[in-house]
Amino acid sequence: MTKGSNQTGLTPQVVKKIAHLARLYEDMEDSLVQEYLTELSGILDLANELQQVDTKSINHLDGARTITIDQLREDEPETGEEYDRVKANIINNFPNHQNNLLVIQGIFESD
């Protein structure tokens, strides 16, 4: 195993990329990278350990409440002047809107 890597495949570069994508840090200090690397590795190691648990004999619906179609309500769309006023107010106060829709930056788009 090389320095800065672990069984989960996380590296300091991956941690920095995650921090950048999450908009936590533009340039993260090395000590913080190592701290996050250790914590994330622990979480991923636990997830890998849970993946090894044999669940073949467990019925996925045991203990779960099943909902029938009769228990679901019909969709009732909002209508009326008050709804239209609130909707227009929200859209008009949003920093970026177009054609009665809110415009947001894509997840993987850069600034």
N, C-alpha and C. Protein backbone atom coordinates (compact mmCIF):
# COMPACT_ATOMS: atom_id res chain seq x y z
N MET A 1 0.85 -1.17 0.00
CA MET A 1 0.00 0.00 0.00
C MET A 1 0.90 1.24 0.00
N THR A 2 0.59 2.22 -0.84
CA THR A 2 1.41 3.42 -0.92
C THR A 2 0.97 4.43 0.12
N LYS A 3 1.90 5.34 0.44
CA LYS A 3 1.57 6.38 1.42
C LYS A 3 0.44 7.24 0.87
N GLY A 4 -0.59 7.50 1.71
CA GLY A 4 -1.71 8.33 1.29
C GLY A 4 -2.84 7.55 0.65
N SER A 5 -2.64 6.22 0.51
CA SER A 5 -3.75 5.43 -0.02
C SER A 5 -4.15 4.41 1.04
N ASN A 6 -5.21 3.69 0.78
CA ASN A 6 -5.72 2.73 1.75
C ASN A 6 -6.53 1.69 1.01
N GLN A 7 -7.16 0.79 1.75
CA GLN A 7 -7.93 -0.29 1.13
C GLN A 7 -9.12 0.21 0.33
N THR A 8 -9.64 1.38 0.66
CA THR A 8 -10.82 1.89 -0.02
C THR A 8 -10.48 2.58 -1.33
N GLY A 9 -9.21 2.83 -1.60
CA GLY A 9 -8.82 3.50 -2.83
C GLY A 9 -8.83 5.01 -2.72
N LEU A 10 -9.13 5.53 -1.54
CA LEU A 10 -9.11 6.98 -1.35
C LEU A 10 -7.68 7.48 -1.31
N THR A 11 -7.45 8.59 -1.96
CA THR A 11 -6.14 9.24 -1.94
C THR A 11 -6.35 10.69 -1.53
N PRO A 12 -5.28 11.38 -1.14
CA PRO A 12 -5.44 12.80 -0.83
C PRO A 12 -6.02 13.60 -2.00
N GLN A 13 -5.69 13.22 -3.22
CA GLN A 13 -6.21 13.92 -4.40
C GLN A 13 -7.73 13.73 -4.51
N VAL A 14 -8.21 12.52 -4.20
CA VAL A 14 -9.65 12.24 -4.25
C VAL A 14 -10.37 13.06 -3.17
N VAL A 15 -9.79 13.12 -1.97
CA VAL A 15 -10.40 13.89 -0.89
C VAL A 15 -10.47 15.37 -1.28
N LYS A 16 -9.42 15.90 -1.89
CA LYS A 16 -9.42 17.30 -2.33
C LYS A 16 -10.48 17.53 -3.41
N LYS A 17 -10.65 16.57 -4.31
CA LYS A 17 -11.66 16.68 -5.37
C LYS A 17 -13.06 16.67 -4.77
N ILE A 18 -13.30 15.78 -3.79
CA ILE A 18 -14.61 15.73 -3.12
C ILE A 18 -14.88 17.05 -2.41
N ALA A 19 -13.88 17.59 -1.72
CA ALA A 19 -14.05 18.86 -1.01
C ALA A 19 -14.35 19.99 -1.98
N HIS A 20 -13.71 19.96 -3.14
CA HIS A 20 -13.96 20.98 -4.15
C HIS A 20 -15.37 20.85 -4.73
N LEU A 21 -15.78 19.62 -5.06
CA LEU A 21 -17.13 19.40 -5.61
C LEU A 21 -18.22 19.77 -4.60
N ALA A 22 -17.94 19.52 -3.33
CA ALA A 22 -18.90 19.85 -2.28
C ALA A 22 -18.82 21.33 -1.90
N ARG A 23 -17.90 22.03 -2.54
CA ARG A 23 -17.68 23.46 -2.29
C ARG A 23 -17.35 23.72 -0.83
N LEU A 24 -16.59 22.79 -0.23
CA LEU A 24 -16.15 22.98 1.15
C LEU A 24 -14.87 23.81 1.18
N TYR A 25 -13.95 23.49 0.28
CA TYR A 25 -12.66 24.16 0.26
C TYR A 25 -12.18 24.29 -1.18
N GLU A 26 -11.53 25.39 -1.47
CA GLU A 26 -10.86 25.53 -2.76
C GLU A 26 -9.47 24.90 -2.67
N ASP A 27 -8.77 25.18 -1.57
CA ASP A 27 -7.43 24.61 -1.36
C ASP A 27 -7.34 24.16 0.09
N MET A 28 -7.38 22.85 0.30
CA MET A 28 -7.43 22.28 1.64
C MET A 28 -6.02 22.02 2.16
N GLU A 29 -5.80 22.34 3.44
CA GLU A 29 -4.50 22.08 4.06
C GLU A 29 -4.26 20.58 4.16
N ASP A 30 -2.98 20.18 4.05
CA ASP A 30 -2.62 18.76 4.06
C ASP A 30 -3.06 18.05 5.34
N SER A 31 -2.96 18.74 6.50
CA SER A 31 -3.36 18.10 7.76
C SER A 31 -4.86 17.80 7.76
N LEU A 32 -5.66 18.70 7.18
CA LEU A 32 -7.09 18.48 7.09
C LEU A 32 -7.41 17.38 6.08
N VAL A 33 -6.64 17.33 4.99
CA VAL A 33 -6.82 16.26 4.00
C VAL A 33 -6.61 14.91 4.67
N GLN A 34 -5.55 14.78 5.46
CA GLN A 34 -5.26 13.51 6.13
C GLN A 34 -6.35 13.15 7.13
N GLU A 35 -6.88 14.17 7.84
CA GLU A 35 -7.95 13.92 8.80
C GLU A 35 -9.21 13.41 8.09
N TYR A 36 -9.59 14.07 7.00
CA TYR A 36 -10.75 13.63 6.22
C TYR A 36 -10.50 12.28 5.58
N LEU A 37 -9.29 12.06 5.12
CA LEU A 37 -8.94 10.78 4.50
C LEU A 37 -9.14 9.64 5.50
N THR A 38 -8.70 9.85 6.72
CA THR A 38 -8.86 8.83 7.77
C THR A 38 -10.34 8.60 8.08
N GLU A 39 -11.10 9.69 8.23
CA GLU A 39 -12.52 9.56 8.56
C GLU A 39 -13.31 8.91 7.43
N LEU A 40 -13.08 9.36 6.19
CA LEU A 40 -13.80 8.78 5.05
C LEU A 40 -13.42 7.32 4.85
N SER A 41 -12.16 6.99 5.05
CA SER A 41 -11.72 5.60 4.92
C SER A 41 -12.42 4.71 5.93
N GLY A 42 -12.56 5.21 7.15
CA GLY A 42 -13.26 4.46 8.19
C GLY A 42 -14.72 4.21 7.82
N ILE A 43 -15.36 5.23 7.28
CA ILE A 43 -16.76 5.09 6.87
C ILE A 43 -16.88 4.08 5.74
N LEU A 44 -16.00 4.19 4.74
CA LEU A 44 -16.06 3.26 3.60
C LEU A 44 -15.68 1.84 4.01
N ASP A 45 -14.75 1.70 4.95
CA ASP A 45 -14.40 0.37 5.46
C ASP A 45 -15.61 -0.27 6.15
N LEU A 46 -16.34 0.53 6.94
CA LEU A 46 -17.54 0.03 7.61
C LEU A 46 -18.60 -0.37 6.58
N ALA A 47 -18.76 0.45 5.54
CA ALA A 47 -19.73 0.11 4.49
C ALA A 47 -19.33 -1.19 3.79
N ASN A 48 -18.04 -1.37 3.53
CA ASN A 48 -17.57 -2.62 2.92
C ASN A 48 -17.81 -3.80 3.84
N GLU A 49 -17.63 -3.60 5.13
CA GLU A 49 -17.88 -4.66 6.11
C GLU A 49 -19.37 -5.03 6.10
N LEU A 50 -20.24 -4.04 6.03
CA LEU A 50 -21.68 -4.30 5.98
C LEU A 50 -22.08 -5.03 4.71
N GLN A 51 -21.36 -4.77 3.61
CA GLN A 51 -21.64 -5.47 2.35
C GLN A 51 -21.39 -6.97 2.47
N GLN A 52 -20.53 -7.37 3.39
CA GLN A 52 -20.18 -8.77 3.55
C GLN A 52 -21.21 -9.55 4.37
N VAL A 53 -22.13 -8.85 5.03
CA VAL A 53 -23.14 -9.51 5.86
C VAL A 53 -24.10 -10.30 4.96
N ASP A 54 -24.32 -11.56 5.33
CA ASP A 54 -25.22 -12.42 4.55
C ASP A 54 -26.67 -12.07 4.88
N THR A 55 -27.38 -11.57 3.88
CA THR A 55 -28.79 -11.17 4.07
C THR A 55 -29.72 -12.01 3.20
N LYS A 56 -29.23 -13.11 2.65
CA LYS A 56 -30.04 -13.91 1.73
C LYS A 56 -31.26 -14.51 2.41
N SER A 57 -31.17 -14.81 3.69
CA SER A 57 -32.30 -15.45 4.37
C SER A 57 -33.29 -14.44 4.95
N ILE A 58 -33.05 -13.16 4.72
CA ILE A 58 -33.92 -12.13 5.27
C ILE A 58 -34.88 -11.65 4.21
N ASN A 59 -36.17 -11.69 4.53
CA ASN A 59 -37.19 -11.17 3.62
C ASN A 59 -37.15 -9.65 3.70
N HIS A 60 -37.01 -8.99 2.57
CA HIS A 60 -36.87 -7.53 2.55
C HIS A 60 -38.10 -6.81 3.08
N LEU A 61 -39.25 -7.46 3.07
CA LEU A 61 -40.46 -6.81 3.53
C LEU A 61 -40.81 -7.16 4.97
N ASP A 62 -39.97 -7.94 5.65
CA ASP A 62 -40.23 -8.25 7.05
C ASP A 62 -40.25 -6.97 7.86
N GLY A 63 -41.34 -6.74 8.56
CA GLY A 63 -41.45 -5.56 9.41
C GLY A 63 -41.83 -4.31 8.66
N ALA A 64 -41.89 -4.36 7.35
CA ALA A 64 -42.26 -3.17 6.58
C ALA A 64 -43.76 -3.13 6.38
N ARG A 65 -44.30 -1.95 6.41
CA ARG A 65 -45.73 -1.79 6.15
C ARG A 65 -45.92 -1.68 4.65
N THR A 66 -46.77 -2.49 4.13
CA THR A 66 -47.05 -2.39 2.70
C THR A 66 -48.26 -1.49 2.51
N ILE A 67 -48.17 -0.61 1.55
CA ILE A 67 -49.24 0.35 1.29
C ILE A 67 -49.97 -0.08 0.02
N THR A 68 -51.27 -0.14 0.14
CA THR A 68 -52.06 -0.49 -1.04
C THR A 68 -52.50 0.78 -1.75
N ILE A 69 -52.88 0.64 -2.98
CA ILE A 69 -53.31 1.78 -3.77
C ILE A 69 -54.53 2.46 -3.16
N ASP A 70 -55.34 1.72 -2.43
CA ASP A 70 -56.53 2.29 -1.79
C ASP A 70 -56.17 3.26 -0.67
N GLN A 71 -54.96 3.12 -0.10
CA GLN A 71 -54.56 3.98 0.99
C GLN A 71 -53.95 5.30 0.51
N LEU A 72 -53.67 5.40 -0.78
CA LEU A 72 -53.07 6.61 -1.32
C LEU A 72 -54.15 7.59 -1.75
N ARG A 73 -53.92 8.87 -1.53
CA ARG A 73 -54.90 9.88 -1.92
C ARG A 73 -54.73 10.24 -3.39
N GLU A 74 -55.77 10.74 -3.96
CA GLU A 74 -55.68 11.27 -5.32
C GLU A 74 -54.88 12.55 -5.27
N ASP A 75 -54.10 12.81 -6.30
CA ASP A 75 -53.34 14.05 -6.37
C ASP A 75 -54.30 15.22 -6.56
N GLU A 76 -54.12 16.22 -5.75
CA GLU A 76 -54.96 17.41 -5.85
C GLU A 76 -54.06 18.60 -6.14
N PRO A 77 -53.98 19.02 -7.40
CA PRO A 77 -53.08 20.12 -7.74
C PRO A 77 -53.53 21.43 -7.11
N GLU A 78 -52.56 22.25 -6.72
CA GLU A 78 -52.85 23.57 -6.17
C GLU A 78 -53.36 24.47 -7.28
N THR A 79 -54.37 25.26 -6.99
CA THR A 79 -54.90 26.21 -7.95
C THR A 79 -55.39 27.44 -7.22
N GLY A 80 -55.73 28.45 -7.97
CA GLY A 80 -56.33 29.64 -7.38
C GLY A 80 -55.41 30.84 -7.43
N GLU A 81 -55.99 32.00 -7.14
CA GLU A 81 -55.25 33.25 -7.20
C GLU A 81 -54.13 33.31 -6.17
N GLU A 82 -54.39 32.85 -4.95
CA GLU A 82 -53.38 32.87 -3.89
C GLU A 82 -52.17 32.02 -4.28
N TYR A 83 -52.43 30.84 -4.81
CA TYR A 83 -51.34 29.96 -5.26
C TYR A 83 -50.53 30.64 -6.37
N ASP A 84 -51.20 31.22 -7.35
CA ASP A 84 -50.52 31.90 -8.46
C ASP A 84 -49.69 33.08 -7.96
N ARG A 85 -50.20 33.82 -6.97
CA ARG A 85 -49.48 34.96 -6.43
C ARG A 85 -48.21 34.51 -5.70
N VAL A 86 -48.32 33.48 -4.86
CA VAL A 86 -47.17 32.97 -4.12
C VAL A 86 -46.13 32.40 -5.09
N LYS A 87 -46.57 31.65 -6.08
CA LYS A 87 -45.66 31.07 -7.07
C LYS A 87 -44.91 32.17 -7.82
N ALA A 88 -45.62 33.19 -8.28
CA ALA A 88 -44.98 34.29 -9.01
C ALA A 88 -44.00 35.03 -8.11
N ASN A 89 -44.35 35.21 -6.86
CA ASN A 89 -43.46 35.89 -5.91
C ASN A 89 -42.16 35.11 -5.72
N ILE A 90 -42.27 33.80 -5.56
CA ILE A 90 -41.08 32.95 -5.40
C ILE A 90 -40.20 33.04 -6.64
N ILE A 91 -40.79 32.87 -7.80
CA ILE A 91 -40.02 32.89 -9.05
C ILE A 91 -39.37 34.24 -9.27
N ASN A 92 -40.10 35.32 -9.05
CA ASN A 92 -39.56 36.65 -9.28
C ASN A 92 -38.46 37.03 -8.30
N ASN A 93 -38.46 36.45 -7.10
CA ASN A 93 -37.43 36.76 -6.11
C ASN A 93 -36.22 35.83 -6.21
N PHE A 94 -36.30 34.81 -7.04
CA PHE A 94 -35.16 33.91 -7.24
C PHE A 94 -34.12 34.63 -8.08
N PRO A 95 -32.83 34.50 -7.74
CA PRO A 95 -31.80 35.25 -8.45
C PRO A 95 -31.76 35.00 -9.97
N ASN A 96 -32.05 33.80 -10.39
CA ASN A 96 -31.96 33.49 -11.82
C ASN A 96 -33.20 32.68 -12.21
N HIS A 97 -34.05 33.29 -13.04
CA HIS A 97 -35.26 32.59 -13.48
C HIS A 97 -35.49 32.90 -14.95
N GLN A 98 -36.17 31.96 -15.60
CA GLN A 98 -36.43 32.11 -17.04
C GLN A 98 -37.68 31.31 -17.39
N ASN A 99 -38.57 31.90 -18.15
CA ASN A 99 -39.80 31.25 -18.60
C ASN A 99 -40.59 30.61 -17.46
N ASN A 100 -40.74 31.34 -16.36
CA ASN A 100 -41.54 30.88 -15.23
C ASN A 100 -40.91 29.68 -14.50
N LEU A 101 -39.59 29.48 -14.70
CA LEU A 101 -38.87 28.39 -14.04
C LEU A 101 -37.65 28.95 -13.32
N LEU A 102 -37.21 28.24 -12.27
CA LEU A 102 -35.99 28.61 -11.57
C LEU A 102 -34.80 28.01 -12.29
N VAL A 103 -33.74 28.78 -12.49
CA VAL A 103 -32.54 28.30 -13.17
C VAL A 103 -31.44 28.15 -12.13
N ILE A 104 -30.90 26.93 -12.03
CA ILE A 104 -29.82 26.68 -11.08
C ILE A 104 -28.63 26.11 -11.82
N GLN A 105 -27.45 26.23 -11.23
CA GLN A 105 -26.23 25.71 -11.82
C GLN A 105 -26.25 24.18 -11.74
N GLY A 106 -25.79 23.52 -12.80
CA GLY A 106 -25.71 22.07 -12.79
C GLY A 106 -24.72 21.58 -11.77
N ILE A 107 -24.90 20.37 -11.32
CA ILE A 107 -24.05 19.80 -10.27
C ILE A 107 -22.59 19.74 -10.70
N PHE A 108 -22.33 19.36 -11.93
CA PHE A 108 -20.96 19.15 -12.37
C PHE A 108 -20.42 20.31 -13.20
N GLU A 109 -21.14 21.41 -13.26
CA GLU A 109 -20.65 22.59 -13.96
C GLU A 109 -19.72 23.35 -13.04
N SER A 110 -18.66 23.94 -13.62
CA SER A 110 -17.78 24.76 -12.80
C SER A 110 -18.20 26.22 -12.91
N ASP A 111 -17.71 27.00 -11.96
CA ASP A 111 -18.06 28.43 -11.94
C ASP A 111 -17.57 29.15 -13.16
